Amino acid sequence: MDFIINILSKICTLISSIFTPKLDVKVDIKEESLIFMFKYKNINGMLNFLTSENDRESPFWRLKMNYFREQKLLYGVIPTSHKTFSGSTNQVQQIFPENNEKPTSYIENKKINVRIDYQYDTFLTACTGWKTFSFMIVDNQIKNFKET
């Protein structure tokens, strides 16, 4: 009996690892533009995107992503429309700054925190997860990139 339980446990672990959501993020600066680049695995789309200096209470830029799955996002540029995982078209909404004003231009020598909320499916239900990381911009280069 222990042998069967052990085999079933290994099968469940294998299946779980195949369907585990993964969001890889890289940050770069090109032509004085801050660019976020994404790779998705088993994620239906991003729900929220937040950049802040300290926490959620002091944001630089906050977006409602509406299942955004594009590969790039330029800081301060609100994507006009995008295709979702289901094939429909959606729009990103800027929450902060209000009235679609431009956010503070990227900030030299300050720690920038980023939180991305995303949606994924399991066998039984829809779930949400998040990814957080931080970095600094020093001499027009990304430094100290850390997942938190």
N, C-alpha and C. Protein backbone atom coordinates (compact mmCIF):
# COMPACT_ATOMS: atom_id res chain seq x y z
N MET A 1 0.82 -1.20 0.00
CA MET A 1 0.00 0.00 0.00
C MET A 1 0.86 1.26 0.00
N ASP A 2 1.95 1.27 0.78
CA ASP A 2 2.84 2.42 0.82
C ASP A 2 3.44 2.70 -0.56
N PHE A 3 3.71 1.63 -1.29
CA PHE A 3 4.26 1.77 -2.63
C PHE A 3 3.29 2.53 -3.54
N ILE A 4 2.03 2.20 -3.49
CA ILE A 4 1.01 2.87 -4.32
C ILE A 4 0.86 4.33 -3.90
N ILE A 5 0.82 4.60 -2.61
CA ILE A 5 0.71 5.97 -2.12
C ILE A 5 1.93 6.79 -2.57
N ASN A 6 3.09 6.19 -2.51
CA ASN A 6 4.32 6.86 -2.93
C ASN A 6 4.26 7.20 -4.42
N ILE A 7 3.82 6.27 -5.23
CA ILE A 7 3.70 6.50 -6.69
C ILE A 7 2.68 7.60 -6.96
N LEU A 8 1.52 7.54 -6.31
CA LEU A 8 0.49 8.57 -6.50
C LEU A 8 1.00 9.95 -6.07
N SER A 9 1.73 10.00 -5.00
CA SER A 9 2.30 11.26 -4.54
C SER A 9 3.27 11.83 -5.57
N LYS A 10 4.10 11.00 -6.14
CA LYS A 10 5.06 11.46 -7.16
C LYS A 10 4.33 11.93 -8.42
N ILE A 11 3.27 11.24 -8.79
CA ILE A 11 2.48 11.65 -9.96
C ILE A 11 1.84 13.02 -9.70
N CYS A 12 1.27 13.21 -8.52
CA CYS A 12 0.66 14.50 -8.18
C CYS A 12 1.69 15.62 -8.18
N THR A 13 2.87 15.35 -7.64
CA THR A 13 3.94 16.36 -7.64
C THR A 13 4.34 16.72 -9.06
N LEU A 14 4.47 15.72 -9.92
CA LEU A 14 4.83 15.95 -11.32
C LEU A 14 3.76 16.78 -12.03
N ILE A 15 2.51 16.42 -11.87
CA ILE A 15 1.41 17.17 -12.50
C ILE A 15 1.38 18.60 -11.99
N SER A 16 1.55 18.79 -10.69
CA SER A 16 1.55 20.14 -10.12
C SER A 16 2.68 20.98 -10.70
N SER A 17 3.84 20.39 -10.86
CA SER A 17 4.98 21.17 -11.37
C SER A 17 4.77 21.55 -12.84
N ILE A 18 4.08 20.73 -13.59
CA ILE A 18 3.82 21.04 -15.00
C ILE A 18 2.89 22.24 -15.12
N PHE A 19 1.92 22.36 -14.22
CA PHE A 19 0.91 23.41 -14.32
C PHE A 19 1.16 24.59 -13.38
N THR A 20 2.32 24.64 -12.76
CA THR A 20 2.64 25.75 -11.86
C THR A 20 2.78 27.05 -12.65
N PRO A 21 2.12 28.11 -12.21
CA PRO A 21 2.26 29.38 -12.93
C PRO A 21 3.64 29.98 -12.73
N LYS A 22 4.14 30.65 -13.75
CA LYS A 22 5.44 31.29 -13.66
C LYS A 22 5.43 32.57 -14.47
N LEU A 23 5.92 33.63 -13.87
CA LEU A 23 6.04 34.91 -14.54
C LEU A 23 7.48 35.38 -14.38
N ASP A 24 8.20 35.45 -15.49
CA ASP A 24 9.57 35.97 -15.48
C ASP A 24 9.53 37.41 -15.94
N VAL A 25 10.25 38.26 -15.23
CA VAL A 25 10.28 39.69 -15.55
C VAL A 25 11.73 40.15 -15.67
N LYS A 26 12.00 40.92 -16.70
CA LYS A 26 13.29 41.59 -16.84
C LYS A 26 12.99 43.07 -17.01
N VAL A 27 13.92 43.88 -16.53
CA VAL A 27 13.77 45.32 -16.64
C VAL A 27 15.00 45.86 -17.34
N ASP A 28 14.78 46.80 -18.26
CA ASP A 28 15.90 47.37 -19.02
C ASP A 28 15.62 48.84 -19.29
N ILE A 29 16.65 49.56 -19.66
CA ILE A 29 16.52 50.95 -20.07
C ILE A 29 17.08 51.05 -21.49
N LYS A 30 16.24 51.55 -22.39
CA LYS A 30 16.66 51.77 -23.77
C LYS A 30 16.17 53.13 -24.20
N GLU A 31 17.09 53.92 -24.73
CA GLU A 31 16.76 55.27 -25.19
C GLU A 31 15.99 56.04 -24.13
N GLU A 32 16.47 55.95 -22.89
CA GLU A 32 15.90 56.65 -21.74
C GLU A 32 14.48 56.24 -21.41
N SER A 33 14.07 55.03 -21.85
CA SER A 33 12.76 54.49 -21.51
C SER A 33 12.94 53.24 -20.66
N LEU A 34 12.17 53.15 -19.59
CA LEU A 34 12.18 51.98 -18.72
C LEU A 34 11.24 50.95 -19.33
N ILE A 35 11.75 49.75 -19.57
CA ILE A 35 10.98 48.70 -20.24
C ILE A 35 10.89 47.47 -19.33
N PHE A 36 9.67 46.98 -19.15
CA PHE A 36 9.44 45.73 -18.44
C PHE A 36 9.15 44.67 -19.49
N MET A 37 9.87 43.55 -19.42
CA MET A 37 9.69 42.45 -20.38
C MET A 37 9.23 41.20 -19.62
N PHE A 38 8.23 40.51 -20.18
CA PHE A 38 7.58 39.41 -19.48
C PHE A 38 7.64 38.12 -20.28
N LYS A 39 7.76 37.01 -19.54
CA LYS A 39 7.56 35.67 -20.09
C LYS A 39 6.58 34.97 -19.17
N TYR A 40 5.56 34.35 -19.76
CA TYR A 40 4.48 33.73 -19.00
C TYR A 40 4.51 32.22 -19.17
N LYS A 41 4.15 31.50 -18.12
CA LYS A 41 3.92 30.06 -18.22
C LYS A 41 2.72 29.74 -17.34
N ASN A 42 1.68 29.22 -17.94
CA ASN A 42 0.45 28.83 -17.22
C ASN A 42 -0.20 29.99 -16.49
N ILE A 43 -0.10 31.18 -17.07
CA ILE A 43 -0.75 32.37 -16.52
C ILE A 43 -1.71 32.91 -17.57
N ASN A 44 -2.94 33.19 -17.16
CA ASN A 44 -3.93 33.72 -18.10
C ASN A 44 -3.74 35.21 -18.36
N GLY A 45 -3.17 35.92 -17.42
CA GLY A 45 -2.90 37.33 -17.64
C GLY A 45 -2.67 38.09 -16.35
N MET A 46 -2.11 39.28 -16.51
CA MET A 46 -1.87 40.15 -15.36
C MET A 46 -3.17 40.87 -14.99
N LEU A 47 -3.37 41.07 -13.70
CA LEU A 47 -4.54 41.79 -13.22
C LEU A 47 -4.18 43.20 -12.79
N ASN A 48 -3.07 43.37 -12.10
CA ASN A 48 -2.64 44.68 -11.60
C ASN A 48 -1.13 44.81 -11.74
N PHE A 49 -0.68 46.04 -11.91
CA PHE A 49 0.75 46.36 -12.02
C PHE A 49 0.99 47.62 -11.19
N LEU A 50 1.91 47.55 -10.24
CA LEU A 50 2.16 48.67 -9.34
C LEU A 50 3.65 48.91 -9.21
N THR A 51 4.07 50.15 -9.41
CA THR A 51 5.44 50.56 -9.08
C THR A 51 5.33 51.59 -7.97
N SER A 52 6.19 51.44 -6.96
CA SER A 52 6.14 52.36 -5.83
C SER A 52 7.52 52.50 -5.21
N GLU A 53 7.65 53.55 -4.39
CA GLU A 53 8.93 53.75 -3.71
C GLU A 53 9.01 52.89 -2.46
N ASN A 54 7.96 52.88 -1.66
CA ASN A 54 8.00 52.14 -0.40
C ASN A 54 7.00 51.00 -0.36
N ASP A 55 5.77 51.31 -0.67
CA ASP A 55 4.70 50.33 -0.52
C ASP A 55 3.54 50.75 -1.40
N ARG A 56 2.41 50.11 -1.20
CA ARG A 56 1.24 50.42 -2.02
C ARG A 56 0.69 51.82 -1.76
N GLU A 57 1.08 52.43 -0.65
CA GLU A 57 0.53 53.73 -0.28
C GLU A 57 1.23 54.88 -1.00
N SER A 58 2.39 54.64 -1.58
CA SER A 58 3.11 55.72 -2.26
C SER A 58 3.49 55.27 -3.67
N PRO A 59 2.49 55.11 -4.54
CA PRO A 59 2.77 54.58 -5.89
C PRO A 59 3.37 55.64 -6.82
N PHE A 60 4.15 55.15 -7.78
CA PHE A 60 4.58 55.96 -8.90
C PHE A 60 3.58 55.78 -10.05
N TRP A 61 3.21 54.49 -10.27
CA TRP A 61 2.35 54.15 -11.39
C TRP A 61 1.57 52.91 -11.01
N ARG A 62 0.25 52.95 -11.20
CA ARG A 62 -0.60 51.81 -10.87
C ARG A 62 -1.58 51.58 -12.01
N LEU A 63 -1.61 50.33 -12.49
CA LEU A 63 -2.47 49.97 -13.63
C LEU A 63 -3.36 48.80 -13.28
N LYS A 64 -4.59 48.85 -13.78
CA LYS A 64 -5.48 47.69 -13.79
C LYS A 64 -5.25 47.05 -15.16
N MET A 65 -4.69 45.84 -15.17
CA MET A 65 -4.17 45.25 -16.40
C MET A 65 -5.21 44.50 -17.24
N ASN A 66 -6.29 44.01 -16.64
CA ASN A 66 -7.36 43.33 -17.39
C ASN A 66 -6.84 42.19 -18.27
N TYR A 67 -6.10 41.28 -17.66
CA TYR A 67 -5.59 40.07 -18.33
C TYR A 67 -4.55 40.38 -19.41
N PHE A 68 -3.74 41.38 -19.18
CA PHE A 68 -2.65 41.75 -20.07
C PHE A 68 -1.66 40.60 -20.19
N ARG A 69 -1.30 40.24 -21.44
CA ARG A 69 -0.34 39.15 -21.70
C ARG A 69 0.70 39.53 -22.74
N GLU A 70 0.88 40.79 -22.97
CA GLU A 70 1.89 41.21 -23.94
C GLU A 70 3.28 40.97 -23.36
N GLN A 71 4.29 41.02 -24.22
CA GLN A 71 5.65 40.73 -23.77
C GLN A 71 6.39 41.94 -23.23
N LYS A 72 5.91 43.15 -23.54
CA LYS A 72 6.60 44.35 -23.09
C LYS A 72 5.62 45.39 -22.57
N LEU A 73 6.11 46.17 -21.62
CA LEU A 73 5.36 47.31 -21.10
C LEU A 73 6.35 48.44 -20.88
N LEU A 74 6.10 49.58 -21.51
CA LEU A 74 6.95 50.75 -21.32
C LEU A 74 6.41 51.57 -20.17
N TYR A 75 7.29 51.93 -19.25
CA TYR A 75 6.90 52.73 -18.09
C TYR A 75 6.28 54.05 -18.55
N GLY A 76 5.09 54.34 -18.05
CA GLY A 76 4.42 55.60 -18.36
C GLY A 76 3.56 55.58 -19.61
N VAL A 77 3.58 54.47 -20.36
CA VAL A 77 2.79 54.36 -21.59
C VAL A 77 1.68 53.34 -21.34
N ILE A 78 0.44 53.82 -21.39
CA ILE A 78 -0.71 52.93 -21.16
C ILE A 78 -1.03 52.20 -22.46
N PRO A 79 -0.95 50.86 -22.46
CA PRO A 79 -1.30 50.12 -23.67
C PRO A 79 -2.75 50.40 -24.07
N THR A 80 -2.98 50.66 -25.35
CA THR A 80 -4.33 51.01 -25.79
C THR A 80 -5.27 49.81 -25.80
N SER A 81 -4.82 48.68 -26.31
CA SER A 81 -5.63 47.47 -26.28
C SER A 81 -4.71 46.26 -26.38
N HIS A 82 -5.22 45.12 -25.95
CA HIS A 82 -4.43 43.90 -25.99
C HIS A 82 -5.36 42.70 -26.06
N LYS A 83 -4.84 41.60 -26.57
CA LYS A 83 -5.60 40.35 -26.63
C LYS A 83 -5.42 39.60 -25.33
N THR A 84 -6.51 39.04 -24.83
CA THR A 84 -6.45 38.23 -23.61
C THR A 84 -6.21 36.77 -23.98
N PHE A 85 -6.04 35.94 -22.97
CA PHE A 85 -5.82 34.50 -23.19
C PHE A 85 -7.00 33.86 -23.91
N SER A 86 -8.19 34.43 -23.77
CA SER A 86 -9.37 33.85 -24.40
C SER A 86 -9.62 34.39 -25.81
N GLY A 87 -8.77 35.33 -26.23
CA GLY A 87 -8.91 35.88 -27.58
C GLY A 87 -9.68 37.18 -27.66
N SER A 88 -10.29 37.60 -26.56
CA SER A 88 -11.02 38.87 -26.59
C SER A 88 -10.04 40.03 -26.48
N THR A 89 -10.52 41.23 -26.77
CA THR A 89 -9.69 42.44 -26.68
C THR A 89 -10.05 43.20 -25.42
N ASN A 90 -9.04 43.65 -24.71
CA ASN A 90 -9.24 44.37 -23.46
C ASN A 90 -8.37 45.62 -23.44
N GLN A 91 -8.61 46.50 -22.48
CA GLN A 91 -7.81 47.70 -22.33
C GLN A 91 -7.23 47.78 -20.92
N VAL A 92 -6.05 48.34 -20.83
CA VAL A 92 -5.42 48.61 -19.54
C VAL A 92 -5.95 49.94 -19.05
N GLN A 93 -6.22 50.04 -17.74
CA GLN A 93 -6.69 51.29 -17.15
C GLN A 93 -5.66 51.80 -16.14
N GLN A 94 -5.31 53.07 -16.25
CA GLN A 94 -4.40 53.66 -15.29
C GLN A 94 -5.20 54.11 -14.07
N ILE A 95 -4.77 53.65 -12.89
CA ILE A 95 -5.41 54.01 -11.63
C ILE A 95 -4.70 55.21 -10.99
N PHE A 96 -3.35 55.20 -11.07
CA PHE A 96 -2.56 56.30 -10.53
C PHE A 96 -1.38 56.55 -11.45
N PRO A 97 -1.05 57.80 -11.73
CA PRO A 97 -1.75 59.01 -11.35
C PRO A 97 -3.13 59.08 -12.02
N GLU A 98 -4.00 59.82 -11.38
CA GLU A 98 -5.37 59.94 -11.90
C GLU A 98 -5.39 60.73 -13.20
N ASN A 99 -6.51 60.62 -13.91
CA ASN A 99 -6.78 61.35 -15.16
C ASN A 99 -5.74 61.07 -16.24
N ASN A 100 -5.16 59.86 -16.21
CA ASN A 100 -4.17 59.43 -17.20
C ASN A 100 -2.97 60.36 -17.31
N GLU A 101 -2.67 61.08 -16.23
CA GLU A 101 -1.47 61.92 -16.23
C GLU A 101 -0.24 61.02 -16.26
N LYS A 102 0.86 61.55 -16.76
CA LYS A 102 2.11 60.79 -16.80
C LYS A 102 2.63 60.58 -15.38
N PRO A 103 3.13 59.37 -15.09
CA PRO A 103 3.73 59.15 -13.78
C PRO A 103 5.08 59.86 -13.69
N THR A 104 5.59 59.93 -12.48
CA THR A 104 6.93 60.47 -12.28
C THR A 104 7.88 59.74 -13.20
N SER A 105 8.74 60.47 -13.90
CA SER A 105 9.68 59.79 -14.78
C SER A 105 10.56 58.89 -13.93
N TYR A 106 11.17 57.89 -14.56
CA TYR A 106 11.86 56.91 -13.74
C TYR A 106 12.89 57.58 -12.84
N ILE A 107 13.04 57.02 -11.69
CA ILE A 107 13.68 57.68 -10.57
C ILE A 107 15.09 57.14 -10.36
N GLU A 108 16.07 58.00 -10.52
CA GLU A 108 17.46 57.61 -10.30
C GLU A 108 17.74 57.48 -8.80
N ASN A 109 18.54 56.48 -8.46
CA ASN A 109 19.09 56.29 -7.11
C ASN A 109 18.04 56.08 -6.02
N LYS A 110 16.86 55.62 -6.39
CA LYS A 110 15.85 55.24 -5.40
C LYS A 110 15.43 53.81 -5.66
N LYS A 111 15.15 53.09 -4.59
CA LYS A 111 14.66 51.72 -4.72
C LYS A 111 13.24 51.78 -5.28
N ILE A 112 13.01 51.02 -6.34
CA ILE A 112 11.69 50.94 -6.95
C ILE A 112 11.14 49.54 -6.70
N ASN A 113 9.97 49.47 -6.09
CA ASN A 113 9.30 48.20 -5.82
C ASN A 113 8.23 47.98 -6.88
N VAL A 114 8.10 46.73 -7.31
CA VAL A 114 7.08 46.39 -8.31
C VAL A 114 6.29 45.19 -7.79
N ARG A 115 4.97 45.27 -7.92
CA ARG A 115 4.10 44.13 -7.61
C ARG A 115 3.21 43.90 -8.82
N ILE A 116 3.16 42.64 -9.25
CA ILE A 116 2.30 42.24 -10.36
C ILE A 116 1.37 41.15 -9.85
N ASP A 117 0.06 41.39 -9.92
CA ASP A 117 -0.93 40.36 -9.60
C ASP A 117 -1.36 39.70 -10.91
N TYR A 118 -1.53 38.39 -10.87
CA TYR A 118 -1.91 37.66 -12.09
C TYR A 118 -2.94 36.59 -11.77
N GLN A 119 -3.58 36.09 -12.82
CA GLN A 119 -4.61 35.05 -12.68
C GLN A 119 -4.14 33.80 -13.41
N TYR A 120 -4.38 32.66 -12.78
CA TYR A 120 -4.07 31.37 -13.41
C TYR A 120 -5.14 30.37 -13.00
N ASP A 121 -5.18 29.26 -13.70
CA ASP A 121 -6.16 28.22 -13.41
C ASP A 121 -5.48 26.99 -12.84
N THR A 122 -6.20 26.30 -11.94
CA THR A 122 -5.78 24.98 -11.48
C THR A 122 -6.81 24.00 -12.03
N PHE A 123 -6.71 22.76 -11.63
CA PHE A 123 -7.67 21.77 -12.12
C PHE A 123 -9.10 22.10 -11.70
N LEU A 124 -9.24 22.71 -10.53
CA LEU A 124 -10.57 22.89 -9.98
C LEU A 124 -11.09 24.32 -9.99
N THR A 125 -10.21 25.30 -10.05
CA THR A 125 -10.68 26.67 -9.87
C THR A 125 -9.72 27.70 -10.46
N ALA A 126 -10.21 28.91 -10.60
CA ALA A 126 -9.36 30.04 -10.98
C ALA A 126 -8.67 30.56 -9.72
N CYS A 127 -7.41 30.93 -9.85
CA CYS A 127 -6.63 31.40 -8.70
C CYS A 127 -5.90 32.69 -9.06
N THR A 128 -5.44 33.39 -8.04
CA THR A 128 -4.59 34.56 -8.26
C THR A 128 -3.27 34.35 -7.54
N GLY A 129 -2.25 34.98 -8.09
CA GLY A 129 -0.93 34.96 -7.49
C GLY A 129 -0.29 36.31 -7.71
N TRP A 130 0.91 36.48 -7.23
CA TRP A 130 1.60 37.75 -7.41
C TRP A 130 3.10 37.53 -7.47
N LYS A 131 3.76 38.51 -8.02
CA LYS A 131 5.22 38.53 -8.08
C LYS A 131 5.65 39.91 -7.63
N THR A 132 6.65 39.96 -6.76
CA THR A 132 7.18 41.24 -6.31
C THR A 132 8.69 41.24 -6.52
N PHE A 133 9.21 42.40 -6.88
CA PHE A 133 10.65 42.56 -7.03
C PHE A 133 11.00 44.03 -6.86
N SER A 134 12.28 44.29 -6.73
CA SER A 134 12.74 45.66 -6.59
C SER A 134 14.03 45.84 -7.37
N PHE A 135 14.35 47.09 -7.66
CA PHE A 135 15.58 47.43 -8.36
C PHE A 135 15.86 48.91 -8.17
N MET A 136 17.03 49.32 -8.60
CA MET A 136 17.41 50.73 -8.59
C MET A 136 17.91 51.10 -9.98
N ILE A 137 17.81 52.36 -10.29
CA ILE A 137 18.40 52.89 -11.52
C ILE A 137 19.56 53.77 -11.11
N VAL A 138 20.76 53.38 -11.51
CA VAL A 138 21.97 54.11 -11.18
C VAL A 138 22.75 54.33 -12.48
N ASP A 139 23.06 55.58 -12.76
CA ASP A 139 23.79 55.93 -13.98
C ASP A 139 23.13 55.33 -15.22
N ASN A 140 21.79 55.43 -15.27
CA ASN A 140 21.00 54.96 -16.41
C ASN A 140 21.11 53.45 -16.65
N GLN A 141 21.35 52.69 -15.57
CA GLN A 141 21.43 51.23 -15.65
C GLN A 141 20.61 50.63 -14.50
N ILE A 142 20.08 49.44 -14.75
CA ILE A 142 19.34 48.71 -13.71
C ILE A 142 20.35 48.04 -12.79
N LYS A 143 20.19 48.28 -11.48
CA LYS A 143 21.08 47.70 -10.47
C LYS A 143 20.24 47.05 -9.38
N ASN A 144 20.83 46.10 -8.69
CA ASN A 144 20.25 45.47 -7.50
C ASN A 144 18.87 44.87 -7.76
N PHE A 145 18.66 44.22 -8.91
CA PHE A 145 17.37 43.58 -9.19
C PHE A 145 17.22 42.39 -8.24
N LYS A 146 16.14 42.39 -7.45
CA LYS A 146 15.91 41.32 -6.47
C LYS A 146 14.44 40.96 -6.45
N GLU A 147 14.18 39.66 -6.52
CA GLU A 147 12.81 39.21 -6.28
C GLU A 147 12.60 39.19 -4.78
N THR A 148 11.42 39.69 -4.36
CA THR A 148 11.18 39.79 -2.92
C THR A 148 10.04 38.89 -2.49
